[in-house]
Every structure is written in C-alpha cells, then in structure tokens.
Amino acid sequence: LWGFAAETGLHVLAIIRSGALDRFPRLRIVVGHLGEALPFWLYRLDYMNKTARQAIRTGATSLGKRISDYVKENVFITTSGMAWAPAITFVQSVVGIDRVMYAMDYPYQFELYEVDATDDVPINAEDKKKLFQTNAERVFSLL
C-alpha cells in the first residue's frame, strides 16, 4: 500500500544526496504519486541535510544547493493515483505550477472519476492547461 512510494521517494532522495544533480544539473527526474511524499518533507529534508553537513562524524556529502532546490529545479511531479485537490494544490504551491503534471496510475488505479476530480482542482484555466497539457509537452519535448 505504501512501500513503493516510500522506496521511490528514498531512491530519489539518494540520487540527490549522491551529488548526481550537481554533476548533471540538466537531468530531469519525473516522479509519480505527487512526488512520493518528498514535497511534504522538503522543510525537514533541508533542515536535516544542513545538520548532517555540520556533523563531521557523518561524513555527509556536501551538496551545492538545498535538497528543496534540487526538487524544484530537477524533479517533475505527476498526480498519478493522487486525485485529491488539497494535495495537488499543496504540491503546486511548494514546487511550482510548472512542475506538476496530470497522470493516471494505469493499470494499477484506473478510475475515470480521477479525471473529473483533477479537473475540479480550484486553479485558474491557464494553470489547469499547464497541469493537463503544456507542462508535459515541455518536459517530454512533445511539441
């Protein structure tokens, strides 16, 4: 029920902590399920990463930016399986409207009401078009 999301979020965090995004700053990572909870943890991750860097005993890798900066610059997030307006608008407010894209979690969660639920997210028409269309066109070079 939750293991895939927890493991995927941990793997994305491990990629960030490895310094890979400092070495490959143009790398794009697309993460489903509203970012596998990472947007909800960004404050804590930034705080703990800063604390780890200060603790000599940890041997922590020094990053060029905060973890939240990498998420906001290198990670794109889909709504797959998470058609819940409060969570969608929260993630959009944290990472930016231009980084969140609609997706269906097919074949695992194929519910047509999710399209309507996502269409009912209380955002303006321009941002809704980004969510449903133009963000994906830009990220995947579909134009």
N, C-alpha and C. Protein backbone atom coordinates (compact mmCIF):
# COMPACT_ATOMS: atom_id res chain seq x y z
N LEU A 1 0.80 -1.20 0.00
CA LEU A 1 0.00 0.00 0.00
C LEU A 1 0.84 1.26 0.00
N TRP A 2 1.99 1.22 0.66
CA TRP A 2 2.80 2.43 0.79
C TRP A 2 4.26 2.18 0.47
N GLY A 3 4.68 0.94 0.41
CA GLY A 3 6.09 0.61 0.24
C GLY A 3 6.70 1.17 -1.04
N PHE A 4 5.99 1.05 -2.17
CA PHE A 4 6.53 1.55 -3.43
C PHE A 4 6.82 3.05 -3.32
N ALA A 5 5.87 3.81 -2.78
CA ALA A 5 6.05 5.26 -2.66
C ALA A 5 7.22 5.60 -1.75
N ALA A 6 7.29 4.91 -0.61
CA ALA A 6 8.38 5.18 0.32
C ALA A 6 9.74 4.85 -0.30
N GLU A 7 9.81 3.71 -0.97
CA GLU A 7 11.08 3.30 -1.59
C GLU A 7 11.47 4.23 -2.74
N THR A 8 10.50 4.62 -3.56
CA THR A 8 10.80 5.50 -4.69
C THR A 8 11.24 6.87 -4.18
N GLY A 9 10.53 7.41 -3.19
CA GLY A 9 10.95 8.68 -2.60
C GLY A 9 12.35 8.60 -2.03
N LEU A 10 12.67 7.49 -1.37
CA LEU A 10 14.01 7.30 -0.81
C LEU A 10 15.06 7.22 -1.91
N HIS A 11 14.74 6.57 -3.02
CA HIS A 11 15.69 6.48 -4.13
C HIS A 11 15.95 7.86 -4.75
N VAL A 12 14.88 8.64 -4.93
CA VAL A 12 15.06 10.00 -5.47
C VAL A 12 15.94 10.81 -4.53
N LEU A 13 15.68 10.72 -3.24
CA LEU A 13 16.49 11.43 -2.25
C LEU A 13 17.94 10.95 -2.30
N ALA A 14 18.16 9.66 -2.48
CA ALA A 14 19.52 9.13 -2.58
C ALA A 14 20.24 9.67 -3.81
N ILE A 15 19.53 9.81 -4.93
CA ILE A 15 20.13 10.40 -6.13
C ILE A 15 20.56 11.83 -5.84
N ILE A 16 19.67 12.58 -5.19
CA ILE A 16 20.00 13.97 -4.85
C ILE A 16 21.20 14.02 -3.91
N ARG A 17 21.16 13.22 -2.83
CA ARG A 17 22.23 13.25 -1.82
C ARG A 17 23.56 12.75 -2.39
N SER A 18 23.52 11.97 -3.46
CA SER A 18 24.77 11.46 -4.04
C SER A 18 25.58 12.54 -4.73
N GLY A 19 24.95 13.67 -5.00
CA GLY A 19 25.61 14.73 -5.75
C GLY A 19 25.43 14.61 -7.25
N ALA A 20 24.64 13.63 -7.69
CA ALA A 20 24.44 13.41 -9.12
C ALA A 20 23.89 14.65 -9.83
N LEU A 21 23.03 15.40 -9.14
CA LEU A 21 22.43 16.56 -9.79
C LEU A 21 23.38 17.76 -9.82
N ASP A 22 24.42 17.73 -9.02
CA ASP A 22 25.49 18.72 -9.16
C ASP A 22 26.34 18.39 -10.39
N ARG A 23 26.55 17.10 -10.62
CA ARG A 23 27.33 16.67 -11.78
C ARG A 23 26.53 16.75 -13.08
N PHE A 24 25.22 16.56 -12.99
CA PHE A 24 24.34 16.58 -14.17
C PHE A 24 23.18 17.54 -13.90
N PRO A 25 23.44 18.84 -13.88
CA PRO A 25 22.42 19.80 -13.46
C PRO A 25 21.21 19.90 -14.38
N ARG A 26 21.29 19.39 -15.59
CA ARG A 26 20.14 19.45 -16.51
C ARG A 26 19.31 18.17 -16.48
N LEU A 27 19.70 17.20 -15.64
CA LEU A 27 18.95 15.95 -15.53
C LEU A 27 17.54 16.22 -15.04
N ARG A 28 16.58 15.57 -15.67
CA ARG A 28 15.18 15.67 -15.28
C ARG A 28 14.72 14.33 -14.73
N ILE A 29 14.06 14.38 -13.60
CA ILE A 29 13.51 13.18 -12.98
C ILE A 29 12.00 13.40 -12.84
N VAL A 30 11.21 12.48 -13.36
CA VAL A 30 9.76 12.56 -13.23
C VAL A 30 9.35 11.54 -12.18
N VAL A 31 8.63 12.03 -11.17
CA VAL A 31 8.24 11.21 -10.04
C VAL A 31 6.72 11.22 -9.92
N GLY A 32 6.13 10.07 -9.77
CA GLY A 32 4.68 9.96 -9.67
C GLY A 32 4.14 10.18 -8.28
N HIS A 33 2.84 9.96 -8.16
CA HIS A 33 2.13 9.98 -6.87
C HIS A 33 2.43 11.24 -6.06
N LEU A 34 2.37 12.38 -6.75
CA LEU A 34 2.63 13.69 -6.14
C LEU A 34 4.00 13.76 -5.47
N GLY A 35 4.98 13.15 -6.13
CA GLY A 35 6.36 13.26 -5.67
C GLY A 35 6.73 12.29 -4.58
N GLU A 36 5.95 11.22 -4.42
CA GLU A 36 6.23 10.17 -3.42
C GLU A 36 6.50 10.77 -2.04
N ALA A 37 5.74 11.81 -1.70
CA ALA A 37 5.75 12.48 -0.39
C ALA A 37 6.92 13.45 -0.20
N LEU A 38 7.87 13.49 -1.12
CA LEU A 38 9.00 14.40 -0.95
C LEU A 38 8.60 15.87 -0.79
N PRO A 39 7.62 16.38 -1.55
CA PRO A 39 7.26 17.79 -1.35
C PRO A 39 6.77 18.09 0.07
N PHE A 40 6.16 17.10 0.70
CA PHE A 40 5.65 17.29 2.05
C PHE A 40 6.77 17.30 3.09
N TRP A 41 7.92 16.75 2.74
CA TRP A 41 9.05 16.62 3.64
C TRP A 41 10.16 17.63 3.37
N LEU A 42 10.03 18.51 2.39
CA LEU A 42 11.16 19.35 1.98
C LEU A 42 11.74 20.20 3.11
N TYR A 43 10.89 20.77 3.94
CA TYR A 43 11.41 21.57 5.05
C TYR A 43 12.32 20.72 5.94
N ARG A 44 11.83 19.56 6.31
CA ARG A 44 12.60 18.66 7.19
C ARG A 44 13.85 18.14 6.50
N LEU A 45 13.75 17.80 5.23
CA LEU A 45 14.92 17.31 4.50
C LEU A 45 16.00 18.39 4.41
N ASP A 46 15.60 19.62 4.14
CA ASP A 46 16.59 20.72 4.11
C ASP A 46 17.24 20.88 5.48
N TYR A 47 16.43 20.86 6.52
CA TYR A 47 16.97 21.02 7.87
C TYR A 47 17.93 19.90 8.22
N MET A 48 17.52 18.66 8.00
CA MET A 48 18.36 17.52 8.36
C MET A 48 19.61 17.44 7.49
N ASN A 49 19.50 17.82 6.22
CA ASN A 49 20.68 17.83 5.36
C ASN A 49 21.69 18.86 5.85
N LYS A 50 21.22 20.01 6.25
CA LYS A 50 22.10 21.06 6.80
C LYS A 50 22.76 20.57 8.08
N THR A 51 21.99 19.92 8.94
CA THR A 51 22.52 19.40 10.19
C THR A 51 23.55 18.31 9.92
N ALA A 52 23.29 17.44 8.94
CA ALA A 52 24.22 16.36 8.62
C ALA A 52 25.54 16.91 8.10
N ARG A 53 25.47 17.98 7.31
CA ARG A 53 26.70 18.58 6.80
C ARG A 53 27.54 19.15 7.93
N GLN A 54 26.88 19.64 8.98
CA GLN A 54 27.59 20.24 10.10
C GLN A 54 28.21 19.18 11.01
N ALA A 55 27.69 17.98 10.96
CA ALA A 55 28.17 16.92 11.84
C ALA A 55 29.32 16.18 11.17
N ILE A 56 30.53 16.42 11.60
CA ILE A 56 31.72 15.82 10.99
C ILE A 56 31.66 14.31 11.04
N ARG A 57 31.08 13.75 12.07
CA ARG A 57 31.07 12.30 12.25
C ARG A 57 30.27 11.56 11.17
N THR A 58 29.40 12.25 10.47
CA THR A 58 28.56 11.56 9.49
C THR A 58 29.25 11.33 8.16
N GLY A 59 30.24 12.14 7.84
CA GLY A 59 30.90 12.01 6.55
C GLY A 59 29.96 12.35 5.40
N ALA A 60 28.97 13.18 5.64
CA ALA A 60 27.96 13.51 4.64
C ALA A 60 28.56 14.24 3.46
N THR A 61 28.08 13.90 2.28
CA THR A 61 28.49 14.59 1.06
C THR A 61 27.95 16.01 1.08
N SER A 62 28.79 16.95 0.72
CA SER A 62 28.35 18.34 0.66
C SER A 62 27.71 18.61 -0.69
N LEU A 63 26.52 19.16 -0.67
CA LEU A 63 25.80 19.47 -1.90
C LEU A 63 25.94 20.95 -2.20
N GLY A 64 25.78 21.30 -3.48
CA GLY A 64 25.87 22.68 -3.90
C GLY A 64 24.64 23.51 -3.54
N LYS A 65 23.50 22.83 -3.28
CA LYS A 65 22.24 23.52 -3.01
C LYS A 65 21.49 22.78 -1.91
N ARG A 66 20.36 23.35 -1.54
CA ARG A 66 19.46 22.66 -0.61
C ARG A 66 18.73 21.55 -1.37
N ILE A 67 18.29 20.54 -0.66
CA ILE A 67 17.54 19.45 -1.28
C ILE A 67 16.29 20.00 -1.96
N SER A 68 15.62 20.94 -1.32
CA SER A 68 14.41 21.52 -1.93
C SER A 68 14.72 22.21 -3.24
N ASP A 69 15.90 22.79 -3.37
CA ASP A 69 16.28 23.43 -4.64
C ASP A 69 16.40 22.40 -5.75
N TYR A 70 17.00 21.25 -5.46
CA TYR A 70 17.10 20.20 -6.49
C TYR A 70 15.71 19.71 -6.89
N VAL A 71 14.83 19.53 -5.91
CA VAL A 71 13.47 19.08 -6.23
C VAL A 71 12.77 20.11 -7.10
N LYS A 72 12.93 21.39 -6.78
CA LYS A 72 12.26 22.44 -7.53
C LYS A 72 12.87 22.69 -8.90
N GLU A 73 14.11 22.25 -9.11
CA GLU A 73 14.79 22.50 -10.38
C GLU A 73 14.93 21.27 -11.26
N ASN A 74 15.00 20.08 -10.68
CA ASN A 74 15.28 18.87 -11.45
C ASN A 74 14.16 17.84 -11.45
N VAL A 75 13.21 17.98 -10.55
CA VAL A 75 12.16 16.98 -10.41
C VAL A 75 10.85 17.53 -10.95
N PHE A 76 10.17 16.71 -11.72
CA PHE A 76 8.83 17.00 -12.19
C PHE A 76 7.91 15.96 -11.56
N ILE A 77 6.72 16.37 -11.21
CA ILE A 77 5.85 15.54 -10.40
C ILE A 77 4.54 15.29 -11.13
N THR A 78 4.08 14.03 -11.08
CA THR A 78 2.78 13.72 -11.66
C THR A 78 1.76 13.46 -10.55
N THR A 79 0.50 13.59 -10.92
CA THR A 79 -0.59 13.39 -9.98
C THR A 79 -1.04 11.93 -9.90
N SER A 80 -0.38 11.04 -10.60
CA SER A 80 -0.83 9.65 -10.73
C SER A 80 -1.29 9.06 -9.40
N GLY A 81 -2.53 8.60 -9.39
CA GLY A 81 -3.06 7.95 -8.21
C GLY A 81 -3.40 8.87 -7.06
N MET A 82 -3.28 10.18 -7.25
CA MET A 82 -3.46 11.13 -6.14
C MET A 82 -4.40 12.26 -6.56
N ALA A 83 -5.58 11.91 -7.00
CA ALA A 83 -6.54 12.91 -7.49
C ALA A 83 -7.27 13.55 -6.31
N TRP A 84 -6.52 14.28 -5.51
CA TRP A 84 -7.07 14.91 -4.31
C TRP A 84 -6.64 16.37 -4.32
N ALA A 85 -7.59 17.25 -4.51
CA ALA A 85 -7.32 18.68 -4.71
C ALA A 85 -6.41 19.29 -3.64
N PRO A 86 -6.63 19.06 -2.34
CA PRO A 86 -5.74 19.69 -1.35
C PRO A 86 -4.27 19.29 -1.53
N ALA A 87 -4.03 18.04 -1.85
CA ALA A 87 -2.65 17.59 -2.03
C ALA A 87 -2.05 18.15 -3.32
N ILE A 88 -2.85 18.16 -4.39
CA ILE A 88 -2.36 18.69 -5.67
C ILE A 88 -2.00 20.17 -5.53
N THR A 89 -2.88 20.96 -4.93
CA THR A 89 -2.59 22.39 -4.81
C THR A 89 -1.43 22.65 -3.85
N PHE A 90 -1.28 21.80 -2.82
CA PHE A 90 -0.13 21.94 -1.93
C PHE A 90 1.16 21.72 -2.70
N VAL A 91 1.22 20.63 -3.45
CA VAL A 91 2.45 20.32 -4.20
C VAL A 91 2.73 21.42 -5.23
N GLN A 92 1.70 21.90 -5.90
CA GLN A 92 1.90 23.01 -6.84
C GLN A 92 2.46 24.23 -6.12
N SER A 93 1.99 24.51 -4.92
CA SER A 93 2.48 25.68 -4.19
C SER A 93 3.92 25.51 -3.72
N VAL A 94 4.33 24.27 -3.48
CA VAL A 94 5.68 24.01 -2.98
C VAL A 94 6.71 23.97 -4.10
N VAL A 95 6.41 23.23 -5.17
CA VAL A 95 7.41 23.06 -6.24
C VAL A 95 7.16 23.96 -7.43
N GLY A 96 5.96 24.52 -7.53
CA GLY A 96 5.64 25.41 -8.63
C GLY A 96 4.65 24.78 -9.60
N ILE A 97 3.78 25.60 -10.12
CA ILE A 97 2.74 25.18 -11.08
C ILE A 97 3.36 24.49 -12.30
N ASP A 98 4.53 24.95 -12.73
CA ASP A 98 5.16 24.44 -13.95
C ASP A 98 5.82 23.07 -13.78
N ARG A 99 5.77 22.49 -12.58
CA ARG A 99 6.45 21.23 -12.33
C ARG A 99 5.51 20.08 -12.01
N VAL A 100 4.21 20.33 -12.07
CA VAL A 100 3.24 19.29 -11.73
C VAL A 100 2.40 18.97 -12.97
N MET A 101 2.28 17.67 -13.27
CA MET A 101 1.57 17.21 -14.46
C MET A 101 0.54 16.16 -14.08
N TYR A 102 -0.57 16.19 -14.80
CA TYR A 102 -1.59 15.16 -14.62
C TYR A 102 -1.06 13.82 -15.12
N ALA A 103 -1.45 12.76 -14.43
CA ALA A 103 -1.19 11.40 -14.91
C ALA A 103 -2.21 10.46 -14.28
N MET A 104 -2.50 9.40 -14.98
CA MET A 104 -3.36 8.33 -14.47
C MET A 104 -2.43 7.20 -14.05
N ASP A 105 -2.71 6.55 -12.96
CA ASP A 105 -1.85 5.47 -12.46
C ASP A 105 -2.25 4.12 -13.07
N TYR A 106 -2.41 4.13 -14.38
CA TYR A 106 -2.81 2.94 -15.13
C TYR A 106 -1.64 1.96 -15.21
N PRO A 107 -1.81 0.71 -15.04
CA PRO A 107 -3.05 -0.04 -14.90
C PRO A 107 -3.44 -0.31 -13.45
N TYR A 108 -2.70 0.23 -12.50
CA TYR A 108 -2.93 -0.09 -11.09
C TYR A 108 -4.16 0.61 -10.52
N GLN A 109 -4.39 1.82 -10.94
CA GLN A 109 -5.51 2.59 -10.42
C GLN A 109 -6.14 3.32 -11.59
N PHE A 110 -7.11 2.69 -12.19
CA PHE A 110 -7.73 3.22 -13.40
C PHE A 110 -9.16 3.60 -13.07
N GLU A 111 -9.35 4.80 -12.60
CA GLU A 111 -10.66 5.29 -12.18
C GLU A 111 -10.98 6.56 -12.94
N LEU A 112 -12.00 6.52 -13.76
CA LEU A 112 -12.33 7.68 -14.58
C LEU A 112 -12.72 8.90 -13.76
N TYR A 113 -13.26 8.69 -12.56
CA TYR A 113 -13.63 9.84 -11.73
C TYR A 113 -12.41 10.69 -11.37
N GLU A 114 -11.21 10.10 -11.43
CA GLU A 114 -10.00 10.87 -11.13
C GLU A 114 -9.77 12.00 -12.13
N VAL A 115 -10.19 11.79 -13.36
CA VAL A 115 -10.08 12.87 -14.35
C VAL A 115 -10.97 14.03 -13.93
N ASP A 116 -12.22 13.73 -13.57
CA ASP A 116 -13.13 14.78 -13.11
C ASP A 116 -12.63 15.43 -11.83
N ALA A 117 -12.14 14.62 -10.89
CA ALA A 117 -11.64 15.17 -9.63
C ALA A 117 -10.47 16.11 -9.88
N THR A 118 -9.58 15.74 -10.77
CA THR A 118 -8.45 16.61 -11.09
C THR A 118 -8.91 17.85 -11.83
N ASP A 119 -9.89 17.69 -12.71
CA ASP A 119 -10.43 18.84 -13.43
C ASP A 119 -11.10 19.82 -12.47
N ASP A 120 -11.57 19.35 -11.34
CA ASP A 120 -12.22 20.20 -10.35
C ASP A 120 -11.25 20.88 -9.39
N VAL A 121 -9.94 20.65 -9.54
CA VAL A 121 -8.97 21.32 -8.67
C VAL A 121 -9.15 22.83 -8.84
N PRO A 122 -9.25 23.58 -7.74
CA PRO A 122 -9.55 25.01 -7.83
C PRO A 122 -8.34 25.86 -8.24
N ILE A 123 -8.02 25.78 -9.53
CA ILE A 123 -6.95 26.61 -10.10
C ILE A 123 -7.50 27.26 -11.36
N ASN A 124 -6.85 28.34 -11.79
CA ASN A 124 -7.35 29.06 -12.95
C ASN A 124 -7.13 28.24 -14.24
N ALA A 125 -7.77 28.69 -15.31
CA ALA A 125 -7.75 27.95 -16.58
C ALA A 125 -6.33 27.81 -17.14
N GLU A 126 -5.53 28.85 -17.01
CA GLU A 126 -4.15 28.78 -17.53
C GLU A 126 -3.34 27.73 -16.77
N ASP A 127 -3.45 27.69 -15.46
CA ASP A 127 -2.72 26.70 -14.67
C ASP A 127 -3.27 25.30 -14.90
N LYS A 128 -4.58 25.19 -15.14
CA LYS A 128 -5.18 23.88 -15.43
C LYS A 128 -4.64 23.34 -16.76
N LYS A 129 -4.46 24.23 -17.74
CA LYS A 129 -3.90 23.79 -19.03
C LYS A 129 -2.46 23.32 -18.83
N LYS A 130 -1.71 23.99 -17.97
CA LYS A 130 -0.35 23.53 -17.66
C LYS A 130 -0.39 22.14 -17.04
N LEU A 131 -1.29 21.95 -16.08
CA LEU A 131 -1.41 20.67 -15.39
C LEU A 131 -1.74 19.54 -16.35
N PHE A 132 -2.71 19.77 -17.22
CA PHE A 132 -3.19 18.72 -18.11
C PHE A 132 -2.42 18.60 -19.42
N GLN A 133 -1.70 19.64 -19.83
CA GLN A 133 -1.13 19.59 -21.18
C GLN A 133 0.27 20.16 -21.30
N THR A 134 0.41 21.46 -21.09
CA THR A 134 1.64 22.13 -21.54
C THR A 134 2.87 21.77 -20.72
N ASN A 135 2.71 21.43 -19.43
CA ASN A 135 3.89 21.01 -18.66
C ASN A 135 4.47 19.73 -19.25
N ALA A 136 3.62 18.77 -19.58
CA ALA A 136 4.09 17.51 -20.18
C ALA A 136 4.71 17.75 -21.55
N GLU A 137 4.10 18.63 -22.33
CA GLU A 137 4.67 18.94 -23.65
C GLU A 137 6.09 19.48 -23.51
N ARG A 138 6.28 20.35 -22.54
CA ARG A 138 7.60 20.94 -22.32
C ARG A 138 8.60 19.91 -21.78
N VAL A 139 8.22 19.16 -20.77
CA VAL A 139 9.13 18.21 -20.12
C VAL A 139 9.55 17.10 -21.08
N PHE A 140 8.60 16.61 -21.87
CA PHE A 140 8.89 15.48 -22.74
C PHE A 140 9.14 15.90 -24.20
N SER A 141 9.32 17.21 -24.41
CA SER A 141 9.58 17.73 -25.76
C SER A 141 8.57 17.21 -26.78
N LEU A 142 7.30 17.37 -26.48
CA LEU A 142 6.24 16.84 -27.34
C LEU A 142 5.83 17.80 -28.45
N LEU A 143 6.34 18.98 -28.45
CA LEU A 143 5.98 19.93 -29.49
C LEU A 143 7.02 19.97 -30.58
